Amino acid sequence: MKQTMREKAVVLLSGGLDSSTVLFIAKKKYKCHCLIFDYGQRHRREIASAKKIAAAAGCDYRIVKITFKWKGSSLIDKNKKIPFAAMNTKIGGHIPSTYVPGRNTIFLSYAVSLAETIGAKKIFIGANAMDFSGYPDCRPQYYKVFNKLLSVATKNRNIRILTPIIYKTKKEIVGLGIKNGVPFELTWTCYRGGKIPCGKCDACILRAKGFKEAGMKDSLL
C-alpha cells in the first residue's frame, strides 16, 4: 500500500527510547505526523533528537512551544535538582520531582486537536507502566479513561489513543526497537541534557537496564 493511501496517525515524539520505538512501530501501518513539544525542559537536547528521529522515519513533524510558568517540576525548574536514581517502579509508589503535573494531558489535548484537523483516527504515545519512574499519567487506567473522554469529546468520536508498549519492559522495548530499525544513536534519554548521558538519573538507569537485560550495547554510548 502506498504511503499516501495509509490511514493517518499522530505520534507524540520526545526523541527518547520509548517514543522513538513507538514511532517506528506505527509508521509500518500508518502515515505518521509527529508532535514534538518544547516545554522548557532542561534536557533540551531531546528536541534535536526528536527532529532527527522523525527525519529518519521519513515523517513530518510539528514543534509546539508551551510555557509552564508555574514550574512544578525539576525538569523545568532550574532551582530544583534532578534527583539521582531514586525511582520506585511500583504503580502507586513514590512520584519523583521530575514529574511534570498535567504534562501528558496537555500533550494529548494538542494531539487530539491535530488529529481532528487532519483526519487522523489514531494517536500514539510511548507511555510505559512497567519499567518507569512512577508518573501517574503513564498508567494504563489513565489512557482507558482518556479514550472514554474522546468518545464523547470529539466530533466524529472515532479518535483513539494507542499505547503499544505500555505493558512492555525496557528489555522488550529495546528488542522491539532493534527489530523495527530504530536508530538508537540518535535518541536522547538523560534528564540532565549535556553532551553525554549522566548515567545517574532515573531515565539513564532505566535505559541502561533495558539494554543490559537485552544483551545489547547502547549505540548512543
N, C-alpha and C. Protein backbone atom coordinates (compact mmCIF):
# COMPACT_ATOMS: atom_id res chain seq x y z
N MET A 1 0.84 -1.20 0.00
CA MET A 1 0.00 0.00 0.00
C MET A 1 0.88 1.25 0.00
N LYS A 2 0.56 2.22 -0.82
CA LYS A 2 1.34 3.43 -0.88
C LYS A 2 1.19 4.24 0.41
N GLN A 3 2.30 4.93 0.77
CA GLN A 3 2.30 5.73 1.99
C GLN A 3 1.17 6.75 1.99
N THR A 4 0.89 7.36 0.82
CA THR A 4 -0.12 8.40 0.76
C THR A 4 -1.52 7.86 0.98
N MET A 5 -1.72 6.56 0.83
CA MET A 5 -3.04 5.97 0.99
C MET A 5 -3.26 5.43 2.40
N ARG A 6 -2.23 5.48 3.21
CA ARG A 6 -2.34 4.93 4.55
C ARG A 6 -3.18 5.83 5.45
N GLU A 7 -3.81 5.21 6.44
CA GLU A 7 -4.54 5.96 7.45
C GLU A 7 -3.55 6.83 8.21
N LYS A 8 -3.97 8.02 8.57
CA LYS A 8 -3.10 8.95 9.28
C LYS A 8 -3.08 8.67 10.78
N ALA A 9 -1.94 8.99 11.39
CA ALA A 9 -1.82 8.87 12.84
C ALA A 9 -0.95 10.00 13.36
N VAL A 10 -1.23 10.44 14.57
CA VAL A 10 -0.41 11.44 15.25
C VAL A 10 0.45 10.71 16.27
N VAL A 11 1.74 11.01 16.29
CA VAL A 11 2.65 10.35 17.23
C VAL A 11 3.32 11.40 18.10
N LEU A 12 3.19 11.25 19.41
CA LEU A 12 3.89 12.14 20.34
C LEU A 12 5.34 11.67 20.40
N LEU A 13 6.25 12.53 20.01
CA LEU A 13 7.65 12.14 19.88
C LEU A 13 8.55 13.02 20.74
N SER A 14 9.18 12.40 21.74
CA SER A 14 10.10 13.15 22.60
C SER A 14 11.55 13.00 22.15
N GLY A 15 11.82 11.97 21.35
CA GLY A 15 13.19 11.71 20.94
C GLY A 15 13.88 10.69 21.81
N GLY A 16 13.14 10.14 22.77
CA GLY A 16 13.70 9.14 23.67
C GLY A 16 13.51 7.72 23.16
N LEU A 17 13.95 6.78 23.96
CA LEU A 17 13.88 5.36 23.61
C LEU A 17 12.45 4.89 23.33
N ASP A 18 11.53 5.22 24.23
CA ASP A 18 10.16 4.72 24.13
C ASP A 18 9.39 5.32 22.96
N SER A 19 9.37 6.65 22.87
CA SER A 19 8.56 7.28 21.82
C SER A 19 9.14 7.00 20.43
N SER A 20 10.46 6.87 20.33
CA SER A 20 11.07 6.56 19.04
C SER A 20 10.70 5.16 18.58
N THR A 21 10.68 4.22 19.53
CA THR A 21 10.29 2.85 19.21
C THR A 21 8.83 2.81 18.75
N VAL A 22 7.98 3.56 19.44
CA VAL A 22 6.56 3.60 19.08
C VAL A 22 6.38 4.20 17.68
N LEU A 23 7.13 5.24 17.36
CA LEU A 23 7.03 5.83 16.02
C LEU A 23 7.38 4.81 14.94
N PHE A 24 8.47 4.07 15.14
CA PHE A 24 8.90 3.11 14.12
C PHE A 24 7.94 1.92 14.02
N ILE A 25 7.23 1.63 15.11
CA ILE A 25 6.18 0.61 15.06
C ILE A 25 4.98 1.15 14.27
N ALA A 26 4.58 2.37 14.61
CA ALA A 26 3.39 2.97 14.00
C ALA A 26 3.56 3.22 12.51
N LYS A 27 4.76 3.61 12.09
CA LYS A 27 4.96 4.00 10.69
C LYS A 27 4.85 2.83 9.72
N LYS A 28 4.89 1.62 10.25
CA LYS A 28 4.73 0.45 9.39
C LYS A 28 3.31 0.35 8.83
N LYS A 29 2.36 0.89 9.58
CA LYS A 29 0.97 0.76 9.19
C LYS A 29 0.31 2.10 8.87
N TYR A 30 0.82 3.19 9.47
CA TYR A 30 0.16 4.48 9.34
C TYR A 30 1.08 5.54 8.73
N LYS A 31 0.48 6.55 8.15
CA LYS A 31 1.21 7.73 7.75
C LYS A 31 1.29 8.62 8.99
N CYS A 32 2.47 8.72 9.56
CA CYS A 32 2.61 9.35 10.87
C CYS A 32 2.98 10.83 10.78
N HIS A 33 2.35 11.60 11.63
CA HIS A 33 2.62 13.03 11.80
C HIS A 33 3.05 13.23 13.24
N CYS A 34 4.29 13.67 13.42
CA CYS A 34 4.86 13.75 14.76
C CYS A 34 4.62 15.11 15.44
N LEU A 35 4.38 15.05 16.73
CA LEU A 35 4.28 16.26 17.55
C LEU A 35 5.45 16.24 18.53
N ILE A 36 6.25 17.29 18.49
CA ILE A 36 7.40 17.45 19.39
C ILE A 36 7.13 18.67 20.27
N PHE A 37 7.32 18.53 21.56
CA PHE A 37 7.00 19.62 22.47
C PHE A 37 8.24 20.27 23.08
N ASP A 38 8.26 21.58 22.98
CA ASP A 38 9.28 22.40 23.63
C ASP A 38 8.57 23.06 24.81
N TYR A 39 8.76 22.49 26.00
CA TYR A 39 8.04 22.99 27.16
C TYR A 39 9.00 23.53 28.23
N GLY A 40 10.18 23.94 27.79
CA GLY A 40 11.15 24.49 28.73
C GLY A 40 11.93 23.43 29.47
N GLN A 41 11.94 22.20 28.93
CA GLN A 41 12.64 21.11 29.60
C GLN A 41 14.14 21.37 29.65
N ARG A 42 14.75 20.96 30.74
CA ARG A 42 16.19 21.17 30.91
C ARG A 42 17.00 20.31 29.93
N HIS A 43 16.46 19.16 29.61
CA HIS A 43 17.14 18.28 28.65
C HIS A 43 16.67 18.62 27.22
N ARG A 44 16.98 19.85 26.81
CA ARG A 44 16.51 20.36 25.52
C ARG A 44 17.11 19.60 24.35
N ARG A 45 18.15 18.87 24.62
CA ARG A 45 18.77 18.09 23.54
C ARG A 45 17.78 17.10 22.94
N GLU A 46 16.77 16.70 23.72
CA GLU A 46 15.82 15.73 23.20
C GLU A 46 15.01 16.29 22.04
N ILE A 47 14.87 17.60 21.96
CA ILE A 47 14.13 18.20 20.85
C ILE A 47 14.87 17.96 19.53
N ALA A 48 16.18 18.20 19.56
CA ALA A 48 17.00 17.95 18.37
C ALA A 48 16.97 16.47 18.01
N SER A 49 17.00 15.61 19.02
CA SER A 49 16.94 14.17 18.77
C SER A 49 15.62 13.78 18.14
N ALA A 50 14.53 14.36 18.63
CA ALA A 50 13.21 14.06 18.09
C ALA A 50 13.12 14.44 16.61
N LYS A 51 13.67 15.58 16.26
CA LYS A 51 13.66 16.02 14.86
C LYS A 51 14.44 15.05 13.98
N LYS A 52 15.57 14.57 14.49
CA LYS A 52 16.38 13.61 13.73
C LYS A 52 15.66 12.27 13.59
N ILE A 53 14.99 11.85 14.65
CA ILE A 53 14.25 10.58 14.61
C ILE A 53 13.11 10.66 13.60
N ALA A 54 12.37 11.77 13.62
CA ALA A 54 11.27 11.95 12.67
C ALA A 54 11.79 11.90 11.23
N ALA A 55 12.92 12.56 11.00
CA ALA A 55 13.52 12.55 9.66
C ALA A 55 13.96 11.15 9.26
N ALA A 56 14.55 10.42 10.21
CA ALA A 56 15.00 9.06 9.94
C ALA A 56 13.83 8.14 9.62
N ALA A 57 12.67 8.44 10.22
CA ALA A 57 11.48 7.64 9.98
C ALA A 57 10.73 8.07 8.72
N GLY A 58 11.17 9.18 8.13
CA GLY A 58 10.50 9.69 6.93
C GLY A 58 9.16 10.33 7.23
N CYS A 59 9.05 10.92 8.40
CA CYS A 59 7.77 11.50 8.84
C CYS A 59 7.91 13.01 9.06
N ASP A 60 6.82 13.73 8.84
CA ASP A 60 6.86 15.16 9.12
C ASP A 60 6.66 15.40 10.61
N TYR A 61 6.97 16.61 11.05
CA TYR A 61 6.81 16.91 12.47
C TYR A 61 6.43 18.38 12.65
N ARG A 62 5.81 18.63 13.78
CA ARG A 62 5.48 19.98 14.21
C ARG A 62 6.04 20.15 15.62
N ILE A 63 6.61 21.32 15.88
CA ILE A 63 7.11 21.61 17.22
C ILE A 63 6.15 22.58 17.90
N VAL A 64 5.66 22.19 19.06
CA VAL A 64 4.72 23.01 19.82
C VAL A 64 5.44 23.56 21.05
N LYS A 65 5.43 24.87 21.19
CA LYS A 65 6.08 25.50 22.33
C LYS A 65 5.06 25.82 23.42
N ILE A 66 5.34 25.34 24.61
CA ILE A 66 4.46 25.55 25.76
C ILE A 66 5.28 26.12 26.91
N THR A 67 4.69 27.01 27.69
CA THR A 67 5.38 27.55 28.86
C THR A 67 4.61 27.19 30.12
N PHE A 68 5.26 26.44 31.00
CA PHE A 68 4.70 26.15 32.31
C PHE A 68 5.23 27.21 33.28
N LYS A 69 4.58 28.35 33.33
CA LYS A 69 5.07 29.47 34.14
C LYS A 69 5.10 29.15 35.63
N TRP A 70 4.28 28.22 36.05
CA TRP A 70 4.21 27.86 37.47
C TRP A 70 5.21 26.77 37.86
N LYS A 71 6.02 26.33 36.87
CA LYS A 71 7.06 25.31 37.11
C LYS A 71 6.45 24.02 37.64
N GLY A 72 6.80 23.61 38.87
CA GLY A 72 6.20 22.42 39.46
C GLY A 72 6.97 21.14 39.24
N SER A 73 8.13 21.22 38.59
CA SER A 73 8.91 20.01 38.31
C SER A 73 10.39 20.37 38.18
N SER A 74 11.24 19.45 38.61
CA SER A 74 12.68 19.69 38.48
C SER A 74 13.12 19.62 37.01
N LEU A 75 12.27 19.12 36.12
CA LEU A 75 12.61 19.10 34.70
C LEU A 75 12.51 20.48 34.06
N ILE A 76 11.74 21.37 34.68
CA ILE A 76 11.54 22.69 34.09
C ILE A 76 11.90 23.82 35.06
N ASP A 77 12.36 23.48 36.24
CA ASP A 77 12.75 24.48 37.23
C ASP A 77 14.23 24.29 37.58
N LYS A 78 15.06 25.21 37.11
CA LYS A 78 16.50 25.08 37.33
C LYS A 78 16.91 25.27 38.78
N ASN A 79 15.98 25.74 39.60
CA ASN A 79 16.27 25.90 41.02
C ASN A 79 16.12 24.58 41.78
N LYS A 80 15.60 23.57 41.10
CA LYS A 80 15.44 22.26 41.71
C LYS A 80 16.44 21.29 41.11
N LYS A 81 16.97 20.42 41.93
CA LYS A 81 17.95 19.45 41.45
C LYS A 81 17.28 18.22 40.85
N ILE A 82 17.83 17.74 39.74
CA ILE A 82 17.38 16.48 39.16
C ILE A 82 17.84 15.37 40.10
N PRO A 83 16.93 14.54 40.60
CA PRO A 83 17.34 13.50 41.55
C PRO A 83 18.15 12.39 40.90
N PHE A 84 19.05 11.81 41.67
CA PHE A 84 19.79 10.63 41.23
C PHE A 84 18.95 9.40 41.51
N ALA A 85 18.73 8.59 40.49
CA ALA A 85 18.10 7.27 40.58
C ALA A 85 17.40 6.95 41.88
N ALA A 86 16.35 7.70 42.18
CA ALA A 86 15.57 7.44 43.39
C ALA A 86 14.22 6.86 43.00
N MET A 87 14.21 6.09 41.94
CA MET A 87 12.96 5.64 41.35
C MET A 87 12.31 4.53 42.15
N ASN A 88 11.00 4.47 42.03
CA ASN A 88 10.23 3.38 42.58
C ASN A 88 9.31 2.94 41.46
N THR A 89 9.54 1.79 40.86
CA THR A 89 8.80 1.39 39.67
C THR A 89 7.44 0.78 39.97
N LYS A 90 7.04 0.77 41.23
CA LYS A 90 5.73 0.21 41.56
C LYS A 90 4.65 1.27 41.36
N ILE A 91 3.60 0.89 40.67
CA ILE A 91 2.49 1.82 40.48
C ILE A 91 1.92 2.20 41.83
N GLY A 92 1.73 3.50 42.05
CA GLY A 92 1.21 3.96 43.32
C GLY A 92 2.32 4.28 44.30
N GLY A 93 3.57 4.11 43.89
CA GLY A 93 4.69 4.38 44.76
C GLY A 93 5.12 5.84 44.69
N HIS A 94 6.35 6.10 45.06
CA HIS A 94 6.90 7.45 45.09
C HIS A 94 6.92 8.06 43.69
N ILE A 95 6.45 9.30 43.60
CA ILE A 95 6.49 10.02 42.33
C ILE A 95 7.64 11.03 42.41
N PRO A 96 8.66 10.90 41.55
CA PRO A 96 9.83 11.77 41.63
C PRO A 96 9.55 13.20 41.21
N SER A 97 10.48 14.10 41.56
CA SER A 97 10.31 15.52 41.27
C SER A 97 10.37 15.84 39.78
N THR A 98 10.79 14.85 38.96
CA THR A 98 10.83 15.06 37.51
C THR A 98 9.45 14.98 36.87
N TYR A 99 8.46 14.56 37.63
CA TYR A 99 7.08 14.54 37.12
C TYR A 99 6.62 15.96 36.84
N VAL A 100 6.11 16.19 35.63
CA VAL A 100 5.57 17.50 35.26
C VAL A 100 4.05 17.42 35.34
N PRO A 101 3.43 18.10 36.31
CA PRO A 101 1.99 18.00 36.50
C PRO A 101 1.18 18.30 35.24
N GLY A 102 0.34 17.35 34.86
CA GLY A 102 -0.56 17.55 33.74
C GLY A 102 0.07 17.47 32.36
N ARG A 103 1.36 17.11 32.28
CA ARG A 103 2.06 17.17 31.00
C ARG A 103 1.41 16.32 29.92
N ASN A 104 1.19 15.04 30.18
CA ASN A 104 0.62 14.18 29.14
C ASN A 104 -0.80 14.57 28.78
N THR A 105 -1.54 15.08 29.76
CA THR A 105 -2.91 15.53 29.47
C THR A 105 -2.88 16.71 28.49
N ILE A 106 -1.94 17.62 28.72
CA ILE A 106 -1.80 18.77 27.82
C ILE A 106 -1.31 18.32 26.45
N PHE A 107 -0.30 17.45 26.44
CA PHE A 107 0.23 16.96 25.16
C PHE A 107 -0.84 16.25 24.35
N LEU A 108 -1.60 15.40 25.01
CA LEU A 108 -2.64 14.64 24.32
C LEU A 108 -3.75 15.55 23.80
N SER A 109 -4.02 16.63 24.51
CA SER A 109 -5.04 17.57 24.05
C SER A 109 -4.62 18.21 22.72
N TYR A 110 -3.35 18.56 22.62
CA TYR A 110 -2.82 19.08 21.35
C TYR A 110 -2.92 18.01 20.26
N ALA A 111 -2.59 16.79 20.63
CA ALA A 111 -2.62 15.69 19.65
C ALA A 111 -4.04 15.45 19.16
N VAL A 112 -5.01 15.54 20.05
CA VAL A 112 -6.42 15.35 19.66
C VAL A 112 -6.84 16.45 18.69
N SER A 113 -6.44 17.68 18.98
CA SER A 113 -6.79 18.80 18.09
C SER A 113 -6.18 18.60 16.71
N LEU A 114 -4.92 18.19 16.66
CA LEU A 114 -4.27 17.94 15.37
C LEU A 114 -4.95 16.78 14.64
N ALA A 115 -5.23 15.72 15.38
CA ALA A 115 -5.85 14.54 14.77
C ALA A 115 -7.20 14.89 14.14
N GLU A 116 -8.01 15.66 14.85
CA GLU A 116 -9.31 16.06 14.30
C GLU A 116 -9.13 16.92 13.05
N THR A 117 -8.13 17.78 13.09
CA THR A 117 -7.90 18.71 11.98
C THR A 117 -7.46 18.01 10.71
N ILE A 118 -6.56 17.02 10.85
CA ILE A 118 -6.01 16.35 9.65
C ILE A 118 -6.73 15.05 9.31
N GLY A 119 -7.70 14.66 10.13
CA GLY A 119 -8.45 13.46 9.84
C GLY A 119 -7.77 12.17 10.29
N ALA A 120 -6.94 12.26 11.33
CA ALA A 120 -6.29 11.07 11.87
C ALA A 120 -7.18 10.43 12.93
N LYS A 121 -7.23 9.11 12.93
CA LYS A 121 -8.07 8.41 13.91
C LYS A 121 -7.27 7.79 15.05
N LYS A 122 -5.95 7.81 14.93
CA LYS A 122 -5.10 7.20 15.95
C LYS A 122 -4.07 8.19 16.47
N ILE A 123 -3.84 8.11 17.77
CA ILE A 123 -2.79 8.89 18.43
C ILE A 123 -1.90 7.91 19.18
N PHE A 124 -0.62 7.93 18.88
CA PHE A 124 0.33 7.02 19.54
C PHE A 124 1.15 7.77 20.57
N ILE A 125 1.35 7.13 21.71
CA ILE A 125 2.19 7.70 22.76
C ILE A 125 3.02 6.57 23.37
N GLY A 126 4.27 6.88 23.71
CA GLY A 126 5.18 5.86 24.25
C GLY A 126 5.09 5.70 25.75
N ALA A 127 3.89 5.71 26.28
CA ALA A 127 3.71 5.53 27.73
C ALA A 127 4.08 4.11 28.13
N ASN A 128 4.65 3.99 29.32
CA ASN A 128 5.08 2.69 29.81
C ASN A 128 4.79 2.56 31.30
N ALA A 129 4.19 1.45 31.70
CA ALA A 129 3.81 1.25 33.10
C ALA A 129 4.56 0.10 33.76
N MET A 130 5.61 -0.39 33.12
CA MET A 130 6.38 -1.49 33.70
C MET A 130 7.69 -0.94 34.31
N ASP A 131 8.66 -0.67 33.45
CA ASP A 131 9.90 -0.04 33.92
C ASP A 131 9.76 1.46 33.71
N PHE A 132 9.25 2.16 34.72
CA PHE A 132 9.05 3.59 34.58
C PHE A 132 9.23 4.26 35.94
N SER A 133 9.20 5.59 35.96
CA SER A 133 9.52 6.33 37.18
C SER A 133 8.32 6.57 38.10
N GLY A 134 7.17 6.04 37.76
CA GLY A 134 6.01 6.17 38.63
C GLY A 134 5.08 7.32 38.31
N TYR A 135 5.23 7.92 37.12
CA TYR A 135 4.36 9.04 36.76
C TYR A 135 2.91 8.58 36.64
N PRO A 136 1.96 9.28 37.25
CA PRO A 136 0.56 8.86 37.20
C PRO A 136 -0.05 8.88 35.81
N ASP A 137 0.47 9.75 34.92
CA ASP A 137 -0.09 9.82 33.56
C ASP A 137 0.60 8.86 32.61
N CYS A 138 1.22 7.82 33.17
CA CYS A 138 1.77 6.74 32.34
C CYS A 138 1.07 5.42 32.67
N ARG A 139 0.04 5.48 33.47
CA ARG A 139 -0.65 4.27 33.91
C ARG A 139 -1.76 3.87 32.95
N PRO A 140 -1.97 2.57 32.77
CA PRO A 140 -2.99 2.09 31.81
C PRO A 140 -4.38 2.68 32.04
N GLN A 141 -4.79 2.79 33.30
CA GLN A 141 -6.15 3.29 33.56
C GLN A 141 -6.34 4.73 33.11
N TYR A 142 -5.26 5.49 33.10
CA TYR A 142 -5.33 6.88 32.62
C TYR A 142 -5.75 6.92 31.16
N TYR A 143 -5.18 6.05 30.34
CA TYR A 143 -5.48 6.03 28.91
C TYR A 143 -6.85 5.43 28.63
N LYS A 144 -7.28 4.49 29.45
CA LYS A 144 -8.63 3.95 29.30
C LYS A 144 -9.67 5.04 29.52
N VAL A 145 -9.45 5.83 30.55
CA VAL A 145 -10.39 6.92 30.85
C VAL A 145 -10.32 8.01 29.77
N PHE A 146 -9.11 8.30 29.30
CA PHE A 146 -8.95 9.33 28.27
C PHE A 146 -9.67 8.92 26.99
N ASN A 147 -9.60 7.65 26.63
CA ASN A 147 -10.30 7.19 25.44
C ASN A 147 -11.81 7.26 25.60
N LYS A 148 -12.29 7.05 26.81
CA LYS A 148 -13.72 7.22 27.07
C LYS A 148 -14.11 8.68 26.87
N LEU A 149 -13.24 9.57 27.31
CA LEU A 149 -13.49 11.00 27.11
C LEU A 149 -13.57 11.34 25.63
N LEU A 150 -12.65 10.78 24.84
CA LEU A 150 -12.63 11.07 23.40
C LEU A 150 -13.88 10.58 22.69
N SER A 151 -14.51 9.55 23.24
CA SER A 151 -15.72 9.00 22.61
C SER A 151 -16.89 9.97 22.69
N VAL A 152 -16.77 10.98 23.57
CA VAL A 152 -17.85 11.97 23.67
C VAL A 152 -17.35 13.40 23.42
N ALA A 153 -16.03 13.58 23.38
CA ALA A 153 -15.48 14.94 23.29
C ALA A 153 -14.97 15.32 21.91
N THR A 154 -15.11 14.43 20.92
CA THR A 154 -14.65 14.74 19.58
C THR A 154 -15.81 14.68 18.60
N LYS A 155 -15.64 15.34 17.48
CA LYS A 155 -16.73 15.47 16.50
C LYS A 155 -17.22 14.13 15.99
N ASN A 156 -16.30 13.30 15.54
CA ASN A 156 -16.70 12.01 14.98
C ASN A 156 -16.60 10.85 15.97
N ARG A 157 -16.07 11.15 17.15
CA ARG A 157 -15.99 10.17 18.24
C ARG A 157 -15.21 8.90 17.87
N ASN A 158 -14.29 9.03 16.93
CA ASN A 158 -13.59 7.82 16.47
C ASN A 158 -12.07 7.91 16.65
N ILE A 159 -11.60 8.88 17.41
CA ILE A 159 -10.17 9.00 17.68
C ILE A 159 -9.81 8.16 18.90
N ARG A 160 -8.73 7.41 18.79
CA ARG A 160 -8.30 6.56 19.90
C ARG A 160 -6.81 6.73 20.17
N ILE A 161 -6.46 6.70 21.44
CA ILE A 161 -5.06 6.75 21.86
C ILE A 161 -4.55 5.32 21.95
N LEU A 162 -3.43 5.04 21.32
CA LEU A 162 -2.83 3.71 21.34
C LEU A 162 -1.52 3.76 22.12
N THR A 163 -1.33 2.76 22.98
CA THR A 163 -0.14 2.69 23.84
C THR A 163 0.51 1.32 23.66
N PRO A 164 1.19 1.09 22.53
CA PRO A 164 1.69 -0.25 22.20
C PRO A 164 2.77 -0.81 23.11
N ILE A 165 3.42 0.03 23.91
CA ILE A 165 4.47 -0.50 24.79
C ILE A 165 4.15 -0.34 26.27
N ILE A 166 2.91 -0.07 26.58
CA ILE A 166 2.58 0.26 27.97
C ILE A 166 2.85 -0.89 28.94
N TYR A 167 2.74 -2.13 28.45
CA TYR A 167 3.00 -3.29 29.32
C TYR A 167 4.34 -3.96 29.01
N LYS A 168 5.19 -3.26 28.27
CA LYS A 168 6.49 -3.82 27.91
C LYS A 168 7.56 -3.40 28.92
N THR A 169 8.52 -4.28 29.18
CA THR A 169 9.67 -3.91 29.99
C THR A 169 10.65 -3.16 29.10
N LYS A 170 11.62 -2.49 29.70
CA LYS A 170 12.62 -1.79 28.89
C LYS A 170 13.40 -2.77 28.01
N LYS A 171 13.62 -3.97 28.53
CA LYS A 171 14.29 -5.01 27.74
C LYS A 171 13.48 -5.30 26.48
N GLU A 172 12.18 -5.44 26.62
CA GLU A 172 11.31 -5.75 25.48
C GLU A 172 11.24 -4.57 24.52
N ILE A 173 11.28 -3.34 25.06
CA ILE A 173 11.22 -2.16 24.22
C ILE A 173 12.49 -2.04 23.38
N VAL A 174 13.63 -2.31 24.00
CA VAL A 174 14.89 -2.32 23.25
C VAL A 174 14.83 -3.34 22.12
N GLY A 175 14.29 -4.51 22.43
CA GLY A 175 14.16 -5.56 21.41
C GLY A 175 13.26 -5.14 20.26
N LEU A 176 12.15 -4.49 20.60
CA LEU A 176 11.24 -4.01 19.56
C LEU A 176 11.90 -2.92 18.72
N GLY A 177 12.67 -2.07 19.38
CA GLY A 177 13.36 -1.01 18.66
C GLY A 177 14.35 -1.56 17.66
N ILE A 178 15.11 -2.55 18.08
CA ILE A 178 16.09 -3.17 17.19
C ILE A 178 15.38 -3.86 16.03
N LYS A 179 14.30 -4.57 16.34
CA LYS A 179 13.54 -5.28 15.31
C LYS A 179 12.96 -4.32 14.27
N ASN A 180 12.57 -3.13 14.72
CA ASN A 180 11.93 -2.17 13.82
C ASN A 180 12.88 -1.12 13.27
N GLY A 181 14.18 -1.29 13.53
CA GLY A 181 15.17 -0.41 12.92
C GLY A 181 15.30 0.97 13.52
N VAL A 182 15.03 1.12 14.81
CA VAL A 182 15.16 2.42 15.46
C VAL A 182 16.65 2.80 15.56
N PRO A 183 17.03 3.98 15.08
CA PRO A 183 18.43 4.42 15.20
C PRO A 183 18.68 4.95 16.61
N PHE A 184 18.96 4.06 17.53
CA PHE A 184 19.10 4.44 18.93
C PHE A 184 20.19 5.47 19.17
N GLU A 185 21.17 5.53 18.27
CA GLU A 185 22.25 6.50 18.43
C GLU A 185 21.77 7.94 18.27
N LEU A 186 20.58 8.11 17.71
CA LEU A 186 20.01 9.45 17.53
C LEU A 186 19.10 9.85 18.69
N THR A 187 18.74 8.90 19.54
CA THR A 187 17.80 9.17 20.62
C THR A 187 18.50 9.84 21.81
N TRP A 188 17.70 10.40 22.68
CA TRP A 188 18.23 11.02 23.90
C TRP A 188 17.28 10.75 25.05
N THR A 189 17.82 10.33 26.19
CA THR A 189 17.00 9.93 27.32
C THR A 189 17.31 10.73 28.59
N CYS A 190 18.57 11.08 28.81
CA CYS A 190 19.03 11.70 30.05
C CYS A 190 18.28 12.98 30.41
N TYR A 191 17.81 13.06 31.66
CA TYR A 191 17.09 14.24 32.13
C TYR A 191 17.99 15.47 32.26
N ARG A 192 19.28 15.25 32.38
CA ARG A 192 20.20 16.36 32.64
C ARG A 192 20.70 17.04 31.38
N GLY A 193 20.40 16.48 30.22
CA GLY A 193 20.89 17.09 28.99
C GLY A 193 22.39 16.93 28.89
N GLY A 194 23.08 17.97 28.41
CA GLY A 194 24.53 17.90 28.31
C GLY A 194 24.99 17.21 27.04
N LYS A 195 26.28 16.95 26.96
CA LYS A 195 26.85 16.33 25.77
C LYS A 195 26.79 14.81 25.82
N ILE A 196 26.88 14.26 27.03
CA ILE A 196 26.80 12.81 27.19
C ILE A 196 25.82 12.51 28.33
N PRO A 197 25.15 11.36 28.30
CA PRO A 197 24.22 11.00 29.38
C PRO A 197 24.92 10.94 30.74
N CYS A 198 24.22 11.39 31.78
CA CYS A 198 24.83 11.41 33.11
C CYS A 198 24.99 10.01 33.69
N GLY A 199 24.08 9.09 33.29
CA GLY A 199 24.16 7.71 33.78
C GLY A 199 23.64 7.52 35.19
N LYS A 200 23.10 8.59 35.79
CA LYS A 200 22.69 8.51 37.19
C LYS A 200 21.22 8.84 37.44
N CYS A 201 20.59 9.54 36.51
CA CYS A 201 19.18 9.88 36.72
C CYS A 201 18.29 8.67 36.43
N ASP A 202 17.03 8.74 36.82
CA ASP A 202 16.10 7.63 36.60
C ASP A 202 16.07 7.18 35.15
N ALA A 203 16.00 8.16 34.25
CA ALA A 203 15.89 7.84 32.83
C ALA A 203 17.10 7.07 32.33
N CYS A 204 18.29 7.51 32.74
CA CYS A 204 19.51 6.83 32.32
C CYS A 204 19.60 5.41 32.90
N ILE A 205 19.23 5.28 34.17
CA ILE A 205 19.28 3.98 34.83
C ILE A 205 18.34 2.99 34.15
N LEU A 206 17.13 3.44 33.84
CA LEU A 206 16.15 2.56 33.20
C LEU A 206 16.59 2.18 31.79
N ARG A 207 17.15 3.13 31.07
CA ARG A 207 17.64 2.84 29.71
C ARG A 207 18.78 1.82 29.76
N ALA A 208 19.72 2.03 30.66
CA ALA A 208 20.85 1.11 30.80
C ALA A 208 20.37 -0.29 31.17
N LYS A 209 19.37 -0.35 32.04
CA LYS A 209 18.79 -1.62 32.46
C LYS A 209 18.21 -2.37 31.26
N GLY A 210 17.52 -1.64 30.38
CA GLY A 210 16.91 -2.26 29.22
C GLY A 210 17.93 -2.86 28.27
N PHE A 211 18.97 -2.10 27.98
CA PHE A 211 20.00 -2.60 27.07
C PHE A 211 20.78 -3.76 27.68
N LYS A 212 21.07 -3.66 28.97
CA LYS A 212 21.82 -4.72 29.64
C LYS A 212 21.04 -6.03 29.63
N GLU A 213 19.75 -5.95 29.99
CA GLU A 213 18.93 -7.16 30.04
C GLU A 213 18.67 -7.73 28.65
N ALA A 214 18.71 -6.86 27.63
CA ALA A 214 18.52 -7.33 26.25
C ALA A 214 19.82 -7.88 25.68
N GLY A 215 20.91 -7.71 26.42
CA GLY A 215 22.20 -8.20 25.95
C GLY A 215 22.74 -7.40 24.79
N MET A 216 22.36 -6.11 24.73
CA MET A 216 22.75 -5.26 23.62
C MET A 216 23.56 -4.07 24.11
N LYS A 217 24.42 -3.54 23.26
CA LYS A 217 25.17 -2.32 23.57
C LYS A 217 24.36 -1.12 23.13
N ASP A 218 24.33 -0.12 23.98
CA ASP A 218 23.61 1.11 23.66
C ASP A 218 24.45 1.93 22.68
N SER A 219 23.98 2.06 21.46
CA SER A 219 24.75 2.76 20.41
C SER A 219 24.92 4.24 20.70
N LEU A 220 24.10 4.81 21.58
CA LEU A 220 24.26 6.21 21.95
C LEU A 220 25.56 6.41 22.73
N LEU A 221 25.98 5.36 23.43
CA LEU A 221 27.19 5.46 24.26
C LEU A 221 28.43 5.02 23.52
